[in-house]
């Protein structure tokens, strides 16, 4: 049980620091829109696929689920 707590705390701190580093590691803002008509793309860079935030939560959930499965298997042995 003590080992599980250590693993859980380590994973929690690792995930927390990865989210903080994403916030501070953001690049410069994109170029301004092209004039009064706003001829530029709605986001920058143009592919505009919002997978960054959701993907982080998906990876975190997978790590927690995997940790629980490892804990359950070690508990049975």
PDB file of N, CA and C in Angstrom:
ATOM      1  N   UNK A   1       0.821  -1.187   0.000  1.00  0.00           N
ATOM      2  CA  UNK A   1       0.000   0.000   0.000  1.00  0.00           C
ATOM      3  C   UNK A   1       0.868   1.257   0.000  1.00  0.00           C
ATOM      4  N   UNK A   2       1.990   1.202   0.721  1.00  0.00           N
ATOM      5  CA  UNK A   2       2.871   2.356   0.783  1.00  0.00           C
ATOM      6  C   UNK A   2       3.500   2.625  -0.587  1.00  0.00           C
ATOM      7  N   UNK A   3       3.815   1.557  -1.309  1.00  0.00           N
ATOM      8  CA  UNK A   3       4.381   1.707  -2.644  1.00  0.00           C
ATOM      9  C   UNK A   3       3.394   2.326  -3.613  1.00  0.00           C
ATOM     10  N   UNK A   4       2.118   1.968  -3.478  1.00  0.00           N
ATOM     11  CA  UNK A   4       1.085   2.531  -4.346  1.00  0.00           C
ATOM     12  C   UNK A   4       0.942   4.028  -4.100  1.00  0.00           C
ATOM     13  N   UNK A   5       0.999   4.439  -2.837  1.00  0.00           N
ATOM     14  CA  UNK A   5       0.894   5.867  -2.525  1.00  0.00           C
ATOM     15  C   UNK A   5       2.065   6.631  -3.125  1.00  0.00           C
ATOM     16  N   UNK A   6       3.249   6.051  -3.059  1.00  0.00           N
ATOM     17  CA  UNK A   6       4.424   6.701  -3.618  1.00  0.00           C
ATOM     18  C   UNK A   6       4.301   6.838  -5.135  1.00  0.00           C
ATOM     19  N   UNK A   7       3.840   5.783  -5.792  1.00  0.00           N
ATOM     20  CA  UNK A   7       3.648   5.832  -7.244  1.00  0.00           C
ATOM     21  C   UNK A   7       2.579   6.851  -7.600  1.00  0.00           C
ATOM     22  N   UNK A   8       1.493   6.883  -6.855  1.00  0.00           N
ATOM     23  CA  UNK A   8       0.403   7.821  -7.125  1.00  0.00           C
ATOM     24  C   UNK A   8       0.872   9.266  -6.961  1.00  0.00           C
ATOM     25  N   UNK A   9       1.596   9.539  -5.906  1.00  0.00           N
ATOM     26  CA  UNK A   9       2.089  10.901  -5.675  1.00  0.00           C
ATOM     27  C   UNK A   9       3.085  11.299  -6.757  1.00  0.00           C
ATOM     28  N   UNK A  10       3.944  10.373  -7.156  1.00  0.00           N
ATOM     29  CA  UNK A  10       4.922  10.656  -8.198  1.00  0.00           C
ATOM     30  C   UNK A  10       4.237  10.960  -9.523  1.00  0.00           C
ATOM     31  N   UNK A  11       3.254  10.150  -9.903  1.00  0.00           N
ATOM     32  CA  UNK A  11       2.526  10.400 -11.148  1.00  0.00           C
ATOM     33  C   UNK A  11       1.769  11.717 -11.092  1.00  0.00           C
ATOM     34  N   UNK A  12       1.167  12.026  -9.956  1.00  0.00           N
ATOM     35  CA  UNK A  12       0.430  13.276  -9.821  1.00  0.00           C
ATOM     36  C   UNK A  12       1.355  14.475  -9.991  1.00  0.00           C
ATOM     37  N   UNK A  13       2.503  14.447  -9.346  1.00  0.00           N
ATOM     38  CA  UNK A  13       3.449  15.554  -9.478  1.00  0.00           C
ATOM     39  C   UNK A  13       3.997  15.656 -10.898  1.00  0.00           C
ATOM     40  N   UNK A  14       4.245  14.518 -11.528  1.00  0.00           N
ATOM     41  CA  UNK A  14       4.744  14.524 -12.898  1.00  0.00           C
ATOM     42  C   UNK A  14       3.728  15.150 -13.845  1.00  0.00           C
ATOM     43  N   UNK A  15       2.467  14.768 -13.714  1.00  0.00           N
ATOM     44  CA  UNK A  15       1.432  15.335 -14.571  1.00  0.00           C
ATOM     45  C   UNK A  15       1.221  16.814 -14.286  1.00  0.00           C
ATOM     46  N   UNK A  16       1.254  17.202 -13.030  1.00  0.00           N
ATOM     47  CA  UNK A  16       1.070  18.615 -12.687  1.00  0.00           C
ATOM     48  C   UNK A  16       2.184  19.471 -13.278  1.00  0.00           C
ATOM     49  N   UNK A  17       3.417  18.998 -13.204  1.00  0.00           N
ATOM     50  CA  UNK A  17       4.518  19.783 -13.761  1.00  0.00           C
ATOM     51  C   UNK A  17       4.464  19.818 -15.283  1.00  0.00           C
ATOM     52  N   UNK A  18       3.943  18.778 -15.919  1.00  0.00           N
ATOM     53  CA  UNK A  18       3.843  18.816 -17.377  1.00  0.00           C
ATOM     54  C   UNK A  18       2.792  19.826 -17.821  1.00  0.00           C
ATOM     55  N   UNK A  19       1.697  19.965 -17.063  1.00  0.00           N
ATOM     56  CA  UNK A  19       0.688  20.963 -17.418  1.00  0.00           C
ATOM     57  C   UNK A  19       1.223  22.375 -17.206  1.00  0.00           C
ATOM     58  N   UNK A  20       1.980  22.584 -16.144  1.00  0.00           N
ATOM     59  CA  UNK A  20       2.539  23.908 -15.876  1.00  0.00           C
ATOM     60  C   UNK A  20       3.558  24.272 -16.945  1.00  0.00           C
ATOM     61  N   UNK A  21       4.365  23.314 -17.365  1.00  0.00           N
ATOM     62  CA  UNK A  21       5.366  23.611 -18.388  1.00  0.00           C
ATOM     63  C   UNK A  21       4.701  23.935 -19.722  1.00  0.00           C
ATOM     64  N   UNK A  22       3.540  23.361 -19.999  1.00  0.00           N
ATOM     65  CA  UNK A  22       2.811  23.714 -21.214  1.00  0.00           C
ATOM     66  C   UNK A  22       2.336  25.154 -21.155  1.00  0.00           C
ATOM     67  N   UNK A  23       1.886  25.589 -19.996  1.00  0.00           N
ATOM     68  CA  UNK A  23       1.396  26.956 -19.869  1.00  0.00           C
ATOM     69  C   UNK A  23       2.515  27.971 -20.050  1.00  0.00           C
ATOM     70  N   UNK A  24       3.669  27.717 -19.445  1.00  0.00           N
ATOM     71  CA  UNK A  24       4.771  28.659 -19.542  1.00  0.00           C
ATOM     72  C   UNK A  24       5.539  28.522 -20.848  1.00  0.00           C
ATOM     73  N   UNK A  25       5.400  27.431 -21.531  1.00  0.00           N
ATOM     74  CA  UNK A  25       6.134  27.210 -22.763  1.00  0.00           C
ATOM     75  C   UNK A  25       5.370  27.613 -24.012  1.00  0.00           C
ATOM     76  N   UNK A  26       4.291  28.370 -23.851  1.00  0.00           N
ATOM     77  CA  UNK A  26       3.498  28.776 -25.010  1.00  0.00           C
ATOM     78  C   UNK A  26       4.315  29.714 -25.893  1.00  0.00           C
ATOM     79  N   UNK A  27       4.144  29.568 -27.179  1.00  0.00           N
ATOM     80  CA  UNK A  27       4.867  30.398 -28.125  1.00  0.00           C
ATOM     81  C   UNK A  27       4.240  31.769 -28.270  1.00  0.00           C
ATOM     82  N   UNK A  28       4.804  32.582 -29.140  1.00  0.00           N
ATOM     83  CA  UNK A  28       4.256  33.918 -29.352  1.00  0.00           C
ATOM     84  C   UNK A  28       2.899  33.835 -30.042  1.00  0.00           C
ATOM     85  N   UNK A  29       2.084  34.869 -29.893  1.00  0.00           N
ATOM     86  CA  UNK A  29       0.776  34.844 -30.544  1.00  0.00           C
ATOM     87  C   UNK A  29       0.916  34.871 -32.060  1.00  0.00           C
ATOM     88  N   UNK A  30      -0.116  34.426 -32.739  1.00  0.00           N
ATOM     89  CA  UNK A  30      -0.104  34.378 -34.192  1.00  0.00           C
ATOM     90  C   UNK A  30      -0.182  35.762 -34.811  1.00  0.00           C
ATOM     91  N   UNK A  31      -0.098  35.812 -36.135  1.00  0.00           N
ATOM     92  CA  UNK A  31      -0.140  37.111 -36.808  1.00  0.00           C
ATOM     93  C   UNK A  31      -1.538  37.722 -36.699  1.00  0.00           C
ATOM     94  N   UNK A  32      -1.611  39.051 -36.729  1.00  0.00           N
ATOM     95  CA  UNK A  32      -2.929  39.694 -36.663  1.00  0.00           C
ATOM     96  C   UNK A  32      -3.712  39.439 -37.938  1.00  0.00           C
ATOM     97  N   UNK A  33      -5.023  39.597 -37.845  1.00  0.00           N
ATOM     98  CA  UNK A  33      -5.868  39.379 -39.023  1.00  0.00           C
ATOM     99  C   UNK A  33      -5.572  40.449 -40.066  1.00  0.00           C
ATOM    100  N   UNK A  34      -5.859  40.133 -41.296  1.00  0.00           N
ATOM    101  CA  UNK A  34      -5.500  41.002 -42.421  1.00  0.00           C
ATOM    102  C   UNK A  34      -6.430  42.167 -42.650  1.00  0.00           C
ATOM    103  N   UNK A  35      -6.340  43.207 -41.899  1.00  0.00           N
ATOM    104  CA  UNK A  35      -7.079  44.439 -42.152  1.00  0.00           C
ATOM    105  C   UNK A  35      -8.470  44.462 -41.549  1.00  0.00           C
ATOM    106  N   UNK A  36      -9.276  45.461 -41.971  1.00  0.00           N
ATOM    107  CA  UNK A  36     -10.614  45.626 -41.384  1.00  0.00           C
ATOM    108  C   UNK A  36     -11.568  44.479 -41.719  1.00  0.00           C
ATOM    109  N   UNK A  37     -11.356  43.830 -42.850  1.00  0.00           N
ATOM    110  CA  UNK A  37     -12.229  42.722 -43.239  1.00  0.00           C
ATOM    111  C   UNK A  37     -11.885  41.429 -42.523  1.00  0.00           C
ATOM    112  N   UNK A  38     -10.719  41.367 -41.918  1.00  0.00           N
ATOM    113  CA  UNK A  38     -10.305  40.158 -41.210  1.00  0.00           C
ATOM    114  C   UNK A  38     -10.054  39.007 -42.155  1.00  0.00           C
ATOM    115  N   UNK A  39      -9.157  39.183 -43.123  1.00  0.00           N
ATOM    116  CA  UNK A  39      -8.930  38.177 -44.138  1.00  0.00           C
ATOM    117  C   UNK A  39      -8.082  36.998 -43.711  1.00  0.00           C
ATOM    118  N   UNK A  40      -7.549  37.005 -42.499  1.00  0.00           N
ATOM    119  CA  UNK A  40      -6.690  35.915 -42.051  1.00  0.00           C
ATOM    120  C   UNK A  40      -7.486  34.705 -41.591  1.00  0.00           C
ATOM    121  N   UNK A  41      -6.801  33.596 -41.338  1.00  0.00           N
ATOM    122  CA  UNK A  41      -7.494  32.402 -40.834  1.00  0.00           C
ATOM    123  C   UNK A  41      -7.983  32.627 -39.398  1.00  0.00           C
ATOM    124  N   UNK A  42      -8.992  31.882 -38.947  1.00  0.00           N
ATOM    125  CA  UNK A  42      -9.527  32.077 -37.599  1.00  0.00           C
ATOM    126  C   UNK A  42      -8.562  31.672 -36.488  1.00  0.00           C
ATOM    127  N   UNK A  43      -7.545  30.909 -36.794  1.00  0.00           N
ATOM    128  CA  UNK A  43      -6.549  30.536 -35.789  1.00  0.00           C
ATOM    129  C   UNK A  43      -5.192  30.407 -36.461  1.00  0.00           C
ATOM    130  N   UNK A  44      -4.148  30.295 -35.649  1.00  0.00           N
ATOM    131  CA  UNK A  44      -2.808  30.193 -36.210  1.00  0.00           C
ATOM    132  C   UNK A  44      -2.052  29.103 -35.504  1.00  0.00           C
ATOM    133  N   UNK A  45      -1.452  28.162 -36.105  1.00  0.00           N
ATOM    134  CA  UNK A  45      -1.295  27.875 -37.523  1.00  0.00           C
ATOM    135  C   UNK A  45      -2.579  27.327 -38.142  1.00  0.00           C
ATOM    136  N   UNK A  46      -2.716  27.460 -39.450  1.00  0.00           N
ATOM    137  CA  UNK A  46      -3.977  27.183 -40.132  1.00  0.00           C
ATOM    138  C   UNK A  46      -4.637  25.813 -39.967  1.00  0.00           C
ATOM    139  N   UNK A  47      -3.972  24.690 -39.650  1.00  0.00           N
ATOM    140  CA  UNK A  47      -4.755  23.454 -39.522  1.00  0.00           C
ATOM    141  C   UNK A  47      -5.857  23.519 -38.475  1.00  0.00           C
ATOM    142  N   UNK A  48      -5.689  24.303 -37.423  1.00  0.00           N
ATOM    143  CA  UNK A  48      -6.745  24.578 -36.435  1.00  0.00           C
ATOM    144  C   UNK A  48      -7.378  23.332 -35.832  1.00  0.00           C
ATOM    145  N   UNK A  49      -6.590  22.382 -35.390  1.00  0.00           N
ATOM    146  CA  UNK A  49      -7.125  21.170 -34.780  1.00  0.00           C
ATOM    147  C   UNK A  49      -6.894  21.247 -33.271  1.00  0.00           C
ATOM    148  N   UNK A  50      -7.961  21.381 -32.465  1.00  0.00           N
ATOM    149  CA  UNK A  50      -7.792  21.549 -31.014  1.00  0.00           C
ATOM    150  C   UNK A  50      -7.656  20.222 -30.272  1.00  0.00           C
ATOM    151  N   UNK A  51      -6.501  19.573 -30.370  1.00  0.00           N
ATOM    152  CA  UNK A  51      -6.335  18.288 -29.681  1.00  0.00           C
ATOM    153  C   UNK A  51      -5.410  18.380 -28.485  1.00  0.00           C
ATOM    154  N   UNK A  52      -4.811  19.531 -28.231  1.00  0.00           N
ATOM    155  CA  UNK A  52      -3.775  19.629 -27.206  1.00  0.00           C
ATOM    156  C   UNK A  52      -4.311  19.390 -25.801  1.00  0.00           C
ATOM    157  N   UNK A  53      -5.318  20.147 -25.367  1.00  0.00           N
ATOM    158  CA  UNK A  53      -5.828  20.016 -24.003  1.00  0.00           C
ATOM    159  C   UNK A  53      -6.499  18.679 -23.749  1.00  0.00           C
ATOM    160  N   UNK A  54      -7.326  18.241 -24.667  1.00  0.00           N
ATOM    161  CA  UNK A  54      -8.027  16.972 -24.501  1.00  0.00           C
ATOM    162  C   UNK A  54      -7.089  15.788 -24.515  1.00  0.00           C
ATOM    163  N   UNK A  55      -6.057  15.875 -25.313  1.00  0.00           N
ATOM    164  CA  UNK A  55      -5.086  14.789 -25.387  1.00  0.00           C
ATOM    165  C   UNK A  55      -4.321  14.645 -24.078  1.00  0.00           C
ATOM    166  N   UNK A  56      -4.039  15.759 -23.421  1.00  0.00           N
ATOM    167  CA  UNK A  56      -3.347  15.703 -22.125  1.00  0.00           C
ATOM    168  C   UNK A  56      -4.196  14.988 -21.084  1.00  0.00           C
ATOM    169  N   UNK A  57      -5.485  15.305 -21.044  1.00  0.00           N
ATOM    170  CA  UNK A  57      -6.370  14.641 -20.093  1.00  0.00           C
ATOM    171  C   UNK A  57      -6.537  13.157 -20.425  1.00  0.00           C
ATOM    172  N   UNK A  58      -6.555  12.814 -21.701  1.00  0.00           N
ATOM    173  CA  UNK A  58      -6.667  11.418 -22.102  1.00  0.00           C
ATOM    174  C   UNK A  58      -5.429  10.628 -21.663  1.00  0.00           C
ATOM    175  N   UNK A  59      -4.264  11.205 -21.821  1.00  0.00           N
ATOM    176  CA  UNK A  59      -3.031  10.542 -21.384  1.00  0.00           C
ATOM    177  C   UNK A  59      -3.009  10.393 -19.870  1.00  0.00           C
ATOM    178  N   UNK A  60      -3.449  11.438 -19.158  1.00  0.00           N
ATOM    179  CA  UNK A  60      -3.487  11.369 -17.690  1.00  0.00           C
ATOM    180  C   UNK A  60      -4.453  10.281 -17.225  1.00  0.00           C
ATOM    181  N   UNK A  61      -5.624  10.206 -17.851  1.00  0.00           N
ATOM    182  CA  UNK A  61      -6.600   9.176 -17.477  1.00  0.00           C
ATOM    183  C   UNK A  61      -6.051   7.781 -17.774  1.00  0.00           C
ATOM    184  N   UNK A  62      -5.357   7.619 -18.892  1.00  0.00           N
ATOM    185  CA  UNK A  62      -4.761   6.330 -19.223  1.00  0.00           C
ATOM    186  C   UNK A  62      -3.681   5.924 -18.233  1.00  0.00           C
ATOM    187  N   UNK A  63      -2.884   6.902 -17.780  1.00  0.00           N
ATOM    188  CA  UNK A  63      -1.843   6.599 -16.793  1.00  0.00           C
ATOM    189  C   UNK A  63      -2.458   6.184 -15.463  1.00  0.00           C
ATOM    190  N   UNK A  64      -3.510   6.859 -15.060  1.00  0.00           N
ATOM    191  CA  UNK A  64      -4.185   6.508 -13.805  1.00  0.00           C
ATOM    192  C   UNK A  64      -4.827   5.127 -13.916  1.00  0.00           C
ATOM    193  N   UNK A  65      -5.472   4.852 -15.036  1.00  0.00           N
ATOM    194  CA  UNK A  65      -6.112   3.550 -15.243  1.00  0.00           C
ATOM    195  C   UNK A  65      -5.059   2.436 -15.254  1.00  0.00           C
ATOM    196  N   UNK A  66      -3.943   2.676 -15.941  1.00  0.00           N
ATOM    197  CA  UNK A  66      -2.872   1.680 -15.970  1.00  0.00           C
ATOM    198  C   UNK A  66      -2.277   1.444 -14.595  1.00  0.00           C
ATOM    199  N   UNK A  67      -2.109   2.514 -13.823  1.00  0.00           N
ATOM    200  CA  UNK A  67      -1.609   2.369 -12.461  1.00  0.00           C
ATOM    201  C   UNK A  67      -2.539   1.559 -11.590  1.00  0.00           C
ATOM    202  N   UNK A  68      -3.842   1.762 -11.766  1.00  0.00           N
ATOM    203  CA  UNK A  68      -4.820   0.998 -10.987  1.00  0.00           C
ATOM    204  C   UNK A  68      -4.781  -0.477 -11.377  1.00  0.00           C
ATOM    205  N   UNK A  69      -4.655  -0.752 -12.663  1.00  0.00           N
ATOM    206  CA  UNK A  69      -4.590  -2.145 -13.111  1.00  0.00           C
ATOM    207  C   UNK A  69      -3.327  -2.833 -12.571  1.00  0.00           C
ATOM    208  N   UNK A  70      -2.212  -2.139 -12.599  1.00  0.00           N
ATOM    209  CA  UNK A  70      -0.978  -2.711 -12.050  1.00  0.00           C
ATOM    210  C   UNK A  70      -1.133  -2.967 -10.559  1.00  0.00           C
ATOM    211  N   UNK A  71      -1.759  -2.035  -9.867  1.00  0.00           N
ATOM    212  CA  UNK A  71      -1.991  -2.198  -8.427  1.00  0.00           C
ATOM    213  C   UNK A  71      -2.902  -3.397  -8.165  1.00  0.00           C
ATOM    214  N   UNK A  72      -3.969  -3.543  -8.958  1.00  0.00           N
ATOM    215  CA  UNK A  72      -4.884  -4.674  -8.773  1.00  0.00           C
ATOM    216  C   UNK A  72      -4.180  -6.007  -9.017  1.00  0.00           C
ATOM    217  N   UNK A  73      -3.341  -6.071 -10.043  1.00  0.00           N
ATOM    218  CA  UNK A  73      -2.624  -7.309 -10.349  1.00  0.00           C
ATOM    219  C   UNK A  73      -1.635  -7.648  -9.233  1.00  0.00           C
ATOM    220  N   UNK A  74      -0.925  -6.627  -8.733  1.00  0.00           N
ATOM    221  CA  UNK A  74       0.038  -6.898  -7.664  1.00  0.00           C
ATOM    222  C   UNK A  74      -0.665  -7.252  -6.355  1.00  0.00           C
ATOM    223  N   UNK A  75      -1.871  -6.778  -6.174  1.00  0.00           N
ATOM    224  CA  UNK A  75      -2.635  -7.090  -4.965  1.00  0.00           C
ATOM    225  C   UNK A  75      -3.103  -8.551  -4.974  1.00  0.00           C
ATOM    226  N   UNK A  76      -3.431  -9.083  -6.170  1.00  0.00           N
ATOM    227  CA  UNK A  76      -3.886 -10.472  -6.289  1.00  0.00           C
ATOM    228  C   UNK A  76      -2.749 -11.455  -6.023  1.00  0.00           C
ATOM    229  N   UNK A  77      -1.538 -11.097  -6.392  1.00  0.00           N
ATOM    230  CA  UNK A  77      -0.393 -12.019  -6.271  1.00  0.00           C
ATOM    231  C   UNK A  77       0.012 -12.256  -4.844  1.00  0.00           C
TER     232      UNK A  77
END
